[in-house]
């Protein structure tokens, strides 16, 4: 999602890779499932986004940008704020996922050790 928002921020259309990623989003059989891989991908995208933000001309923040096929109007700063909100939501989801996986792992370890 971040890469798409930052593509719109640059007033560029989505690439074929981004469109493909969008088409399989939510399909668990086609998306990364390992926790380490998910965290790695997330961190990489956040690092790229931070780098791009460091290059922004602040005088352009109120410039018009459009989103998606429908060309919904917004501003550059609107895209960045949406990206920040979206990132915070995913951080929360990631935190909950880690806790669930840790709890499941601890339960499995406990069950394995108690059956001996």
N, C-alpha and C. Protein backbone atom coordinates (compact mmCIF):
# COMPACT_ATOMS: atom_id res chain seq x y z
N UNK A 1 0.82 -1.19 0.00
CA UNK A 1 0.00 0.00 0.00
C UNK A 1 0.87 1.25 0.00
N UNK A 2 1.91 1.28 0.82
CA UNK A 2 2.77 2.46 0.85
C UNK A 2 3.37 2.76 -0.51
N UNK A 3 3.83 1.72 -1.19
CA UNK A 3 4.45 1.96 -2.49
C UNK A 3 3.44 2.57 -3.46
N UNK A 4 2.19 2.16 -3.38
CA UNK A 4 1.17 2.73 -4.27
C UNK A 4 0.91 4.19 -3.94
N UNK A 5 0.78 4.50 -2.65
CA UNK A 5 0.54 5.89 -2.26
C UNK A 5 1.71 6.78 -2.67
N UNK A 6 2.91 6.28 -2.53
CA UNK A 6 4.08 7.09 -2.92
C UNK A 6 4.20 7.19 -4.44
N UNK A 7 3.71 6.21 -5.17
CA UNK A 7 3.65 6.32 -6.63
C UNK A 7 2.67 7.42 -7.03
N UNK A 8 1.50 7.44 -6.40
CA UNK A 8 0.53 8.50 -6.67
C UNK A 8 1.11 9.87 -6.29
N UNK A 9 1.89 9.91 -5.20
CA UNK A 9 2.51 11.17 -4.77
C UNK A 9 3.43 11.72 -5.85
N UNK A 10 4.04 10.83 -6.62
CA UNK A 10 4.93 11.25 -7.71
C UNK A 10 4.16 11.49 -9.01
N UNK A 11 2.84 11.43 -8.94
CA UNK A 11 1.97 11.62 -10.12
C UNK A 11 2.26 10.60 -11.21
N UNK A 12 2.55 9.37 -10.80
CA UNK A 12 2.84 8.30 -11.76
C UNK A 12 1.75 7.24 -11.68
N UNK A 13 1.53 6.52 -12.78
CA UNK A 13 0.58 5.40 -12.72
C UNK A 13 1.23 4.20 -12.03
N UNK A 14 0.39 3.32 -11.55
CA UNK A 14 0.92 2.10 -10.92
C UNK A 14 1.58 1.22 -11.98
N UNK A 15 2.64 0.54 -11.57
CA UNK A 15 3.34 -0.38 -12.47
C UNK A 15 2.57 -1.70 -12.57
N UNK A 16 2.96 -2.52 -13.51
CA UNK A 16 2.32 -3.84 -13.65
C UNK A 16 2.52 -4.66 -12.36
N UNK A 17 3.68 -4.56 -11.76
CA UNK A 17 3.96 -5.29 -10.50
C UNK A 17 3.02 -4.81 -9.39
N UNK A 18 2.85 -3.49 -9.29
CA UNK A 18 1.95 -2.95 -8.27
C UNK A 18 0.51 -3.37 -8.52
N UNK A 19 0.10 -3.36 -9.77
CA UNK A 19 -1.26 -3.80 -10.10
C UNK A 19 -1.46 -5.28 -9.77
N UNK A 20 -0.44 -6.09 -10.05
CA UNK A 20 -0.52 -7.52 -9.71
C UNK A 20 -0.61 -7.69 -8.19
N UNK A 21 0.24 -6.97 -7.46
CA UNK A 21 0.20 -7.05 -5.99
C UNK A 21 -1.16 -6.66 -5.45
N UNK A 22 -1.74 -5.63 -6.05
CA UNK A 22 -3.08 -5.19 -5.64
C UNK A 22 -4.11 -6.28 -5.90
N UNK A 23 -3.97 -6.98 -7.02
CA UNK A 23 -4.95 -8.02 -7.39
C UNK A 23 -4.90 -9.24 -6.47
N UNK A 24 -3.74 -9.51 -5.86
CA UNK A 24 -3.63 -10.68 -4.98
C UNK A 24 -3.67 -10.31 -3.50
N UNK A 25 -3.80 -9.02 -3.22
CA UNK A 25 -3.85 -8.57 -1.82
C UNK A 25 -5.01 -9.25 -1.11
N UNK A 26 -4.73 -9.81 0.03
CA UNK A 26 -5.76 -10.49 0.80
C UNK A 26 -5.88 -11.98 0.49
N UNK A 27 -5.24 -12.43 -0.60
CA UNK A 27 -5.24 -13.86 -0.94
C UNK A 27 -4.07 -14.51 -0.21
N UNK A 28 -4.37 -15.18 0.89
CA UNK A 28 -3.33 -15.72 1.75
C UNK A 28 -2.46 -16.76 1.06
N UNK A 29 -2.97 -17.40 0.03
CA UNK A 29 -2.18 -18.42 -0.67
C UNK A 29 -1.12 -17.78 -1.58
N UNK A 30 -1.23 -16.48 -1.85
CA UNK A 30 -0.31 -15.82 -2.79
C UNK A 30 0.52 -14.72 -2.14
N UNK A 31 0.37 -14.53 -0.85
CA UNK A 31 1.12 -13.48 -0.17
C UNK A 31 2.09 -14.09 0.84
N UNK A 32 3.13 -13.34 1.22
CA UNK A 32 4.10 -13.88 2.18
C UNK A 32 3.41 -14.26 3.48
N UNK A 33 3.81 -15.37 4.06
CA UNK A 33 3.15 -15.81 5.28
C UNK A 33 4.09 -15.90 6.46
N UNK A 34 5.38 -15.97 6.23
CA UNK A 34 6.31 -16.06 7.34
C UNK A 34 6.45 -14.72 8.04
N UNK A 35 6.46 -14.75 9.36
CA UNK A 35 6.55 -13.53 10.15
C UNK A 35 7.81 -12.74 9.80
N UNK A 36 8.94 -13.43 9.71
CA UNK A 36 10.19 -12.74 9.39
C UNK A 36 10.11 -12.06 8.02
N UNK A 37 9.51 -12.75 7.06
CA UNK A 37 9.39 -12.18 5.72
C UNK A 37 8.46 -10.96 5.72
N UNK A 38 7.36 -11.04 6.45
CA UNK A 38 6.43 -9.91 6.53
C UNK A 38 7.10 -8.70 7.18
N UNK A 39 7.82 -8.93 8.26
CA UNK A 39 8.49 -7.83 8.95
C UNK A 39 9.57 -7.22 8.06
N UNK A 40 10.30 -8.07 7.36
CA UNK A 40 11.34 -7.60 6.44
C UNK A 40 10.75 -6.72 5.34
N UNK A 41 9.68 -7.18 4.71
CA UNK A 41 9.02 -6.41 3.66
C UNK A 41 8.49 -5.09 4.18
N UNK A 42 7.89 -5.13 5.34
CA UNK A 42 7.35 -3.92 5.96
C UNK A 42 8.47 -2.92 6.23
N UNK A 43 9.55 -3.38 6.86
CA UNK A 43 10.67 -2.50 7.18
C UNK A 43 11.30 -1.91 5.92
N UNK A 44 11.44 -2.72 4.89
CA UNK A 44 12.01 -2.23 3.63
C UNK A 44 11.16 -1.11 3.05
N UNK A 45 9.85 -1.29 3.03
CA UNK A 45 8.97 -0.28 2.46
C UNK A 45 8.97 0.99 3.30
N UNK A 46 9.01 0.84 4.62
CA UNK A 46 9.06 2.03 5.48
C UNK A 46 10.37 2.78 5.25
N UNK A 47 11.49 2.07 5.14
CA UNK A 47 12.77 2.72 4.87
C UNK A 47 12.75 3.47 3.54
N UNK A 48 12.19 2.85 2.50
CA UNK A 48 12.08 3.52 1.20
C UNK A 48 11.20 4.77 1.30
N UNK A 49 10.12 4.66 2.03
CA UNK A 49 9.20 5.79 2.19
C UNK A 49 9.86 6.94 2.93
N UNK A 50 10.59 6.62 3.99
CA UNK A 50 11.29 7.67 4.74
C UNK A 50 12.31 8.36 3.85
N UNK A 51 13.02 7.59 3.05
CA UNK A 51 13.99 8.19 2.13
C UNK A 51 13.29 9.14 1.15
N UNK A 52 12.17 8.70 0.59
CA UNK A 52 11.43 9.55 -0.34
C UNK A 52 10.93 10.82 0.34
N UNK A 53 10.45 10.68 1.58
CA UNK A 53 9.97 11.86 2.31
C UNK A 53 11.10 12.87 2.53
N UNK A 54 12.31 12.38 2.71
CA UNK A 54 13.44 13.30 2.94
C UNK A 54 13.77 14.12 1.70
N UNK A 55 13.25 13.71 0.54
CA UNK A 55 13.53 14.40 -0.72
C UNK A 55 12.39 15.33 -1.15
N UNK A 56 11.32 15.41 -0.37
CA UNK A 56 10.12 16.16 -0.78
C UNK A 56 10.37 17.68 -0.71
N UNK A 57 9.91 18.36 -1.75
CA UNK A 57 9.90 19.82 -1.77
C UNK A 57 8.67 20.26 -1.01
N UNK A 58 8.85 20.86 0.15
CA UNK A 58 7.70 21.19 1.00
C UNK A 58 6.77 22.21 0.36
N UNK A 59 7.26 22.96 -0.61
CA UNK A 59 6.38 23.93 -1.27
C UNK A 59 5.34 23.22 -2.15
N UNK A 60 5.54 21.92 -2.40
CA UNK A 60 4.61 21.16 -3.24
C UNK A 60 3.55 20.41 -2.44
N UNK A 61 3.57 20.50 -1.13
CA UNK A 61 2.67 19.70 -0.30
C UNK A 61 1.19 19.95 -0.57
N UNK A 62 0.82 21.12 -1.03
CA UNK A 62 -0.60 21.39 -1.30
C UNK A 62 -0.94 21.17 -2.78
N UNK A 63 0.01 20.68 -3.56
CA UNK A 63 -0.26 20.40 -4.98
C UNK A 63 -1.24 19.24 -5.11
N UNK A 64 -2.05 19.30 -6.14
CA UNK A 64 -3.06 18.27 -6.39
C UNK A 64 -2.42 17.00 -6.93
N UNK A 65 -2.91 15.89 -6.43
CA UNK A 65 -2.55 14.56 -6.93
C UNK A 65 -3.86 13.80 -7.10
N UNK A 66 -3.81 12.71 -7.85
CA UNK A 66 -5.01 11.88 -8.01
C UNK A 66 -4.68 10.44 -7.64
N UNK A 67 -5.73 9.72 -7.25
CA UNK A 67 -5.58 8.34 -6.78
C UNK A 67 -6.42 7.41 -7.64
N UNK A 68 -5.80 6.34 -8.10
CA UNK A 68 -6.52 5.24 -8.73
C UNK A 68 -7.09 5.52 -10.10
N UNK A 69 -7.83 4.51 -10.57
CA UNK A 69 -8.45 4.59 -11.90
C UNK A 69 -9.46 5.72 -12.00
N UNK A 70 -10.10 6.00 -10.89
CA UNK A 70 -11.13 7.06 -10.89
C UNK A 70 -10.51 8.45 -10.75
N UNK A 71 -9.18 8.50 -10.58
CA UNK A 71 -8.48 9.78 -10.46
C UNK A 71 -9.09 10.67 -9.37
N UNK A 72 -9.27 10.09 -8.20
CA UNK A 72 -9.84 10.82 -7.06
C UNK A 72 -8.83 11.90 -6.64
N UNK A 73 -9.28 13.15 -6.56
CA UNK A 73 -8.34 14.22 -6.23
C UNK A 73 -7.98 14.27 -4.74
N UNK A 74 -6.74 14.62 -4.49
CA UNK A 74 -6.24 14.83 -3.14
C UNK A 74 -5.07 15.79 -3.26
N UNK A 75 -4.33 15.92 -2.20
CA UNK A 75 -3.10 16.72 -2.24
C UNK A 75 -1.93 15.82 -1.89
N UNK A 76 -0.75 16.32 -2.16
CA UNK A 76 0.45 15.56 -1.82
C UNK A 76 0.50 15.29 -0.31
N UNK A 77 0.24 16.31 0.49
CA UNK A 77 0.25 16.10 1.94
C UNK A 77 -0.86 15.14 2.36
N UNK A 78 -1.99 15.17 1.65
CA UNK A 78 -3.07 14.23 1.94
C UNK A 78 -2.63 12.80 1.74
N UNK A 79 -1.86 12.56 0.68
CA UNK A 79 -1.34 11.21 0.44
C UNK A 79 -0.37 10.79 1.55
N UNK A 80 0.48 11.72 1.95
CA UNK A 80 1.46 11.39 3.00
C UNK A 80 0.78 11.13 4.35
N UNK A 81 -0.24 11.93 4.66
CA UNK A 81 -0.99 11.70 5.90
C UNK A 81 -1.69 10.34 5.85
N UNK A 82 -2.30 10.03 4.72
CA UNK A 82 -2.97 8.73 4.57
C UNK A 82 -1.95 7.59 4.71
N UNK A 83 -0.78 7.77 4.13
CA UNK A 83 0.27 6.76 4.24
C UNK A 83 0.68 6.56 5.70
N UNK A 84 0.79 7.65 6.44
CA UNK A 84 1.16 7.56 7.86
C UNK A 84 0.08 6.84 8.66
N UNK A 85 -1.18 7.20 8.40
CA UNK A 85 -2.29 6.54 9.10
C UNK A 85 -2.33 5.05 8.78
N UNK A 86 -2.15 4.74 7.52
CA UNK A 86 -2.18 3.34 7.09
C UNK A 86 -1.03 2.55 7.73
N UNK A 87 0.12 3.18 7.78
CA UNK A 87 1.29 2.53 8.38
C UNK A 87 1.05 2.25 9.86
N UNK A 88 0.47 3.20 10.57
CA UNK A 88 0.19 2.99 11.99
C UNK A 88 -0.79 1.84 12.20
N UNK A 89 -1.77 1.74 11.32
CA UNK A 89 -2.73 0.63 11.42
C UNK A 89 -2.01 -0.71 11.23
N UNK A 90 -1.11 -0.75 10.24
CA UNK A 90 -0.38 -2.00 10.00
C UNK A 90 0.59 -2.33 11.12
N UNK A 91 1.16 -1.32 11.75
CA UNK A 91 2.02 -1.58 12.91
C UNK A 91 1.19 -2.23 14.01
N UNK A 92 -0.01 -1.73 14.23
CA UNK A 92 -0.90 -2.33 15.23
C UNK A 92 -1.25 -3.77 14.88
N UNK A 93 -1.57 -4.01 13.60
CA UNK A 93 -1.89 -5.37 13.16
C UNK A 93 -0.68 -6.29 13.32
N UNK A 94 0.50 -5.78 12.98
CA UNK A 94 1.71 -6.57 13.10
C UNK A 94 1.99 -6.92 14.56
N UNK A 95 1.78 -5.96 15.44
CA UNK A 95 1.99 -6.18 16.87
C UNK A 95 1.05 -7.28 17.39
N UNK A 96 -0.21 -7.21 17.01
CA UNK A 96 -1.18 -8.22 17.43
C UNK A 96 -0.81 -9.59 16.85
N UNK A 97 -0.42 -9.63 15.58
CA UNK A 97 -0.03 -10.89 14.94
C UNK A 97 1.15 -11.53 15.66
N UNK A 98 2.14 -10.72 16.01
CA UNK A 98 3.31 -11.24 16.73
C UNK A 98 2.88 -11.82 18.07
N UNK A 99 2.02 -11.11 18.79
CA UNK A 99 1.54 -11.60 20.09
C UNK A 99 0.79 -12.92 19.95
N UNK A 100 -0.05 -13.03 18.93
CA UNK A 100 -0.82 -14.26 18.70
C UNK A 100 0.14 -15.41 18.37
N UNK A 101 1.10 -15.16 17.49
CA UNK A 101 2.05 -16.21 17.11
C UNK A 101 2.92 -16.62 18.29
N UNK A 102 3.34 -15.64 19.09
CA UNK A 102 4.13 -15.97 20.28
C UNK A 102 3.31 -16.80 21.26
N UNK A 103 2.05 -16.43 21.45
CA UNK A 103 1.19 -17.19 22.37
C UNK A 103 0.98 -18.60 21.86
N UNK A 104 0.77 -18.74 20.56
CA UNK A 104 0.58 -20.07 19.98
C UNK A 104 1.85 -20.90 20.12
N UNK A 105 2.99 -20.27 19.93
CA UNK A 105 4.27 -20.96 20.05
C UNK A 105 4.50 -21.39 21.50
N UNK A 106 4.19 -20.52 22.45
CA UNK A 106 4.36 -20.85 23.87
C UNK A 106 3.41 -21.96 24.28
N UNK A 107 2.19 -21.95 23.78
CA UNK A 107 1.22 -23.00 24.08
C UNK A 107 1.71 -24.32 23.52
N UNK A 108 2.23 -24.31 22.28
CA UNK A 108 2.74 -25.53 21.68
C UNK A 108 3.91 -26.07 22.48
N UNK A 109 4.84 -25.17 22.86
CA UNK A 109 6.01 -25.59 23.64
C UNK A 109 5.57 -26.19 24.98
N UNK A 110 4.57 -25.54 25.62
CA UNK A 110 4.08 -26.04 26.89
C UNK A 110 3.43 -27.41 26.71
N UNK A 111 2.60 -27.58 25.67
CA UNK A 111 1.94 -28.84 25.42
C UNK A 111 2.96 -29.94 25.08
N UNK A 112 3.99 -29.59 24.29
CA UNK A 112 5.02 -30.57 23.93
C UNK A 112 5.77 -31.03 25.17
N UNK A 113 6.12 -30.09 26.06
CA UNK A 113 6.92 -30.45 27.24
C UNK A 113 6.07 -31.16 28.29
N UNK A 114 4.78 -30.86 28.36
CA UNK A 114 3.95 -31.48 29.38
C UNK A 114 3.52 -32.91 28.98
N UNK A 115 3.67 -33.25 27.70
CA UNK A 115 3.26 -34.59 27.28
C UNK A 115 4.38 -35.60 27.46
N UNK A 116 5.53 -35.14 27.92
CA UNK A 116 6.68 -36.06 28.10
C UNK A 116 6.66 -36.72 29.45
